[in-house]
Structure formats: structure tokens, C-alpha cells
Amino acid sequence: MRELVLGHSAFDVNDAFSPPAKTFALAQAMLAIVGRARAAMDRGVAYAELDLMPVQRALAALRSAPAAMFDDRRRQFARSLYM
């Protein structure tokens, strides 16, 4: 969570500053990941078996998305949760 939601890159023009709405959306996205992971573990899936890389990549793409593409990347992220 620290790297993908709270961390910012001063070298990325789209990530150097995050308005409150974007930060809130990123936090919601992270909570969705946690919720899906917990649900899988409740069904007996071991944490080590969870394939989190696709949603981590989608969250990173969401974080670095330009403002004009943020909604589209948010939809892509939501789809990545159900792949």
C-alpha cells in the first residue's frame, strides 16, 4: 500500500502530486484488492497462491495516469480485479 497509494514520484508529472479525489480513489482501489484477497483466503486459498501482480500493475497504471485518462484507467483496474 505504501508504494502504490501513498508514495509519489517527483519524476512523474502525473504522480508528483495527487489531488484528494485521486488519492481517495487509489485508497478505494487498494481496499478492493484487500477485500478480494481476504475473500479468496476465506475460501481456503493460501496467500502465497494469490496472483497479485496483475492488480498491482493495474493500480500502478492508475496511480500514474494523466488526469484525462484517470477514469479509463480506473475502469481497467476494476476489470483487473475480476480476471
C-alpha atoms as a PDB file:
ATOM      1  CA  MET A   1       0.000   0.000   0.000  1.00  0.00           C
ATOM      2  CA  ARG A   2       2.773   2.404   0.875  1.00  0.00           C
ATOM      3  CA  GLU A   3       4.405   2.195  -2.550  1.00  0.00           C
ATOM      4  CA  LEU A   4       1.259   2.144  -4.664  1.00  0.00           C
ATOM      5  CA  VAL A   5      -1.063   4.508  -2.806  1.00  0.00           C
ATOM      6  CA  LEU A   6       0.907   6.779  -0.509  1.00  0.00           C
ATOM      7  CA  GLY A   7       4.215   7.011  -2.374  1.00  0.00           C
ATOM      8  CA  HIS A   8       4.680   9.561  -5.121  1.00  0.00           C
ATOM      9  CA  SER A   9       7.381  10.028  -7.710  1.00  0.00           C
ATOM     10  CA  ALA A  10       8.661  13.555  -8.128  1.00  0.00           C
ATOM     11  CA  PHE A  11       9.960  12.481 -11.553  1.00  0.00           C
ATOM     12  CA  ASP A  12       6.497  11.517 -12.890  1.00  0.00           C
ATOM     13  CA  VAL A  13       4.452  14.556 -13.882  1.00  0.00           C
ATOM     14  CA  ASN A  14       1.216  12.604 -13.285  1.00  0.00           C
ATOM     15  CA  ASP A  15       2.288  11.268  -9.911  1.00  0.00           C
ATOM     16  CA  ALA A  16       4.284  14.096  -8.336  1.00  0.00           C
ATOM     17  CA  PHE A  17       1.078  15.495  -6.838  1.00  0.00           C
ATOM     18  CA  SER A  18      -2.155  13.663  -6.098  1.00  0.00           C
ATOM     19  CA  PRO A  19      -5.364  15.624  -5.570  1.00  0.00           C
ATOM     20  CA  PRO A  20      -7.576  14.351  -2.729  1.00  0.00           C
ATOM     21  CA  ALA A  21     -10.077  12.725  -5.131  1.00  0.00           C
ATOM     22  CA  LYS A  22      -7.314  10.730  -6.830  1.00  0.00           C
ATOM     23  CA  THR A  23      -5.792   9.670  -3.508  1.00  0.00           C
ATOM     24  CA  PHE A  24      -9.242   8.601  -2.309  1.00  0.00           C
ATOM     25  CA  ALA A  25      -9.787   6.560  -5.495  1.00  0.00           C
ATOM     26  CA  LEU A  26      -6.381   4.898  -5.036  1.00  0.00           C
ATOM     27  CA  ALA A  27      -7.224   4.041  -1.420  1.00  0.00           C
ATOM     28  CA  GLN A  28     -10.563   2.587  -2.534  1.00  0.00           C
ATOM     29  CA  ALA A  29      -8.762   0.528  -5.158  1.00  0.00           C
ATOM     30  CA  MET A  30      -6.319  -0.822  -2.578  1.00  0.00           C
ATOM     31  CA  LEU A  31      -9.195  -1.719  -0.261  1.00  0.00           C
ATOM     32  CA  ALA A  32     -10.830  -3.581  -3.146  1.00  0.00           C
ATOM     33  CA  ILE A  33      -7.624  -5.601  -3.599  1.00  0.00           C
ATOM     34  CA  VAL A  34      -7.526  -6.398   0.111  1.00  0.00           C
ATOM     35  CA  GLY A  35     -11.193  -7.400   0.043  1.00  0.00           C
ATOM     36  CA  ARG A  36     -10.705  -9.771  -2.895  1.00  0.00           C
ATOM     37  CA  ALA A  37      -7.600 -11.278  -1.275  1.00  0.00           C
ATOM     38  CA  ARG A  38      -9.409 -11.812   2.019  1.00  0.00           C
ATOM     39  CA  ALA A  39     -12.370 -13.399   0.256  1.00  0.00           C
ATOM     40  CA  ALA A  40     -10.024 -15.786  -1.544  1.00  0.00           C
ATOM     41  CA  MET A  41      -8.273 -16.684   1.698  1.00  0.00           C
ATOM     42  CA  ASP A  42     -11.651 -17.243   3.373  1.00  0.00           C
ATOM     43  CA  ARG A  43     -12.297 -19.808   0.619  1.00  0.00           C
ATOM     44  CA  GLY A  44      -9.057 -21.558   1.585  1.00  0.00           C
ATOM     45  CA  VAL A  45      -6.625 -20.044  -0.925  1.00  0.00           C
ATOM     46  CA  ALA A  46      -3.202 -19.528   0.659  1.00  0.00           C
ATOM     47  CA  TYR A  47      -1.732 -16.023   0.497  1.00  0.00           C
ATOM     48  CA  ALA A  48       1.294 -17.388  -1.376  1.00  0.00           C
ATOM     49  CA  GLU A  49      -1.059 -18.685  -4.083  1.00  0.00           C
ATOM     50  CA  LEU A  50      -2.685 -15.305  -4.750  1.00  0.00           C
ATOM     51  CA  ASP A  51      -1.633 -13.790  -8.073  1.00  0.00           C
ATOM     52  CA  LEU A  52      -1.489 -10.141  -7.073  1.00  0.00           C
ATOM     53  CA  MET A  53       0.842  -8.950  -9.836  1.00  0.00           C
ATOM     54  CA  PRO A  54      -1.908  -8.088 -12.383  1.00  0.00           C
ATOM     55  CA  VAL A  55      -3.821  -5.915  -9.909  1.00  0.00           C
ATOM     56  CA  GLN A  56      -0.601  -4.334  -8.657  1.00  0.00           C
ATOM     57  CA  ARG A  57       0.288  -3.388 -12.244  1.00  0.00           C
ATOM     58  CA  ALA A  58      -3.217  -2.026 -12.805  1.00  0.00           C
ATOM     59  CA  LEU A  59      -3.013   0.008  -9.590  1.00  0.00           C
ATOM     60  CA  ALA A  60       0.398   1.391 -10.612  1.00  0.00           C
ATOM     61  CA  ALA A  61      -1.066   2.358 -14.013  1.00  0.00           C
ATOM     62  CA  LEU A  62      -3.968   4.042 -12.237  1.00  0.00           C
ATOM     63  CA  ARG A  63      -1.593   5.980  -9.995  1.00  0.00           C
ATOM     64  CA  SER A  64       0.482   7.298 -12.891  1.00  0.00           C
ATOM     65  CA  ALA A  65      -2.469   8.011 -15.199  1.00  0.00           C
ATOM     66  CA  PRO A  66      -2.822  11.526 -16.578  1.00  0.00           C
ATOM     67  CA  ALA A  67      -5.945  13.296 -15.330  1.00  0.00           C
ATOM     68  CA  ALA A  68      -7.608  12.923 -18.738  1.00  0.00           C
ATOM     69  CA  MET A  69      -7.148   9.126 -18.625  1.00  0.00           C
ATOM     70  CA  PHE A  70      -7.836   8.532 -14.946  1.00  0.00           C
ATOM     71  CA  ASP A  71     -11.450   7.353 -15.331  1.00  0.00           C
ATOM     72  CA  ASP A  72     -10.491   4.949 -18.122  1.00  0.00           C
ATOM     73  CA  ARG A  73      -7.631   3.514 -16.049  1.00  0.00           C
ATOM     74  CA  ARG A  74      -9.977   3.215 -13.078  1.00  0.00           C
ATOM     75  CA  ARG A  75     -12.332   1.080 -15.170  1.00  0.00           C
ATOM     76  CA  GLN A  76      -9.366  -1.028 -16.338  1.00  0.00           C
ATOM     77  CA  PHE A  77      -8.367  -1.515 -12.727  1.00  0.00           C
ATOM     78  CA  ALA A  78     -11.878  -2.620 -11.778  1.00  0.00           C
ATOM     79  CA  ARG A  79     -11.828  -5.183 -14.588  1.00  0.00           C
ATOM     80  CA  SER A  80      -8.445  -6.484 -13.420  1.00  0.00           C
ATOM     81  CA  LEU A  81      -9.998  -7.455 -10.091  1.00  0.00           C
ATOM     82  CA  TYR A  82     -12.225  -9.985 -11.793  1.00  0.00           C
ATOM     83  CA  MET A  83      -9.759 -11.630 -14.174  1.00  0.00           C
END
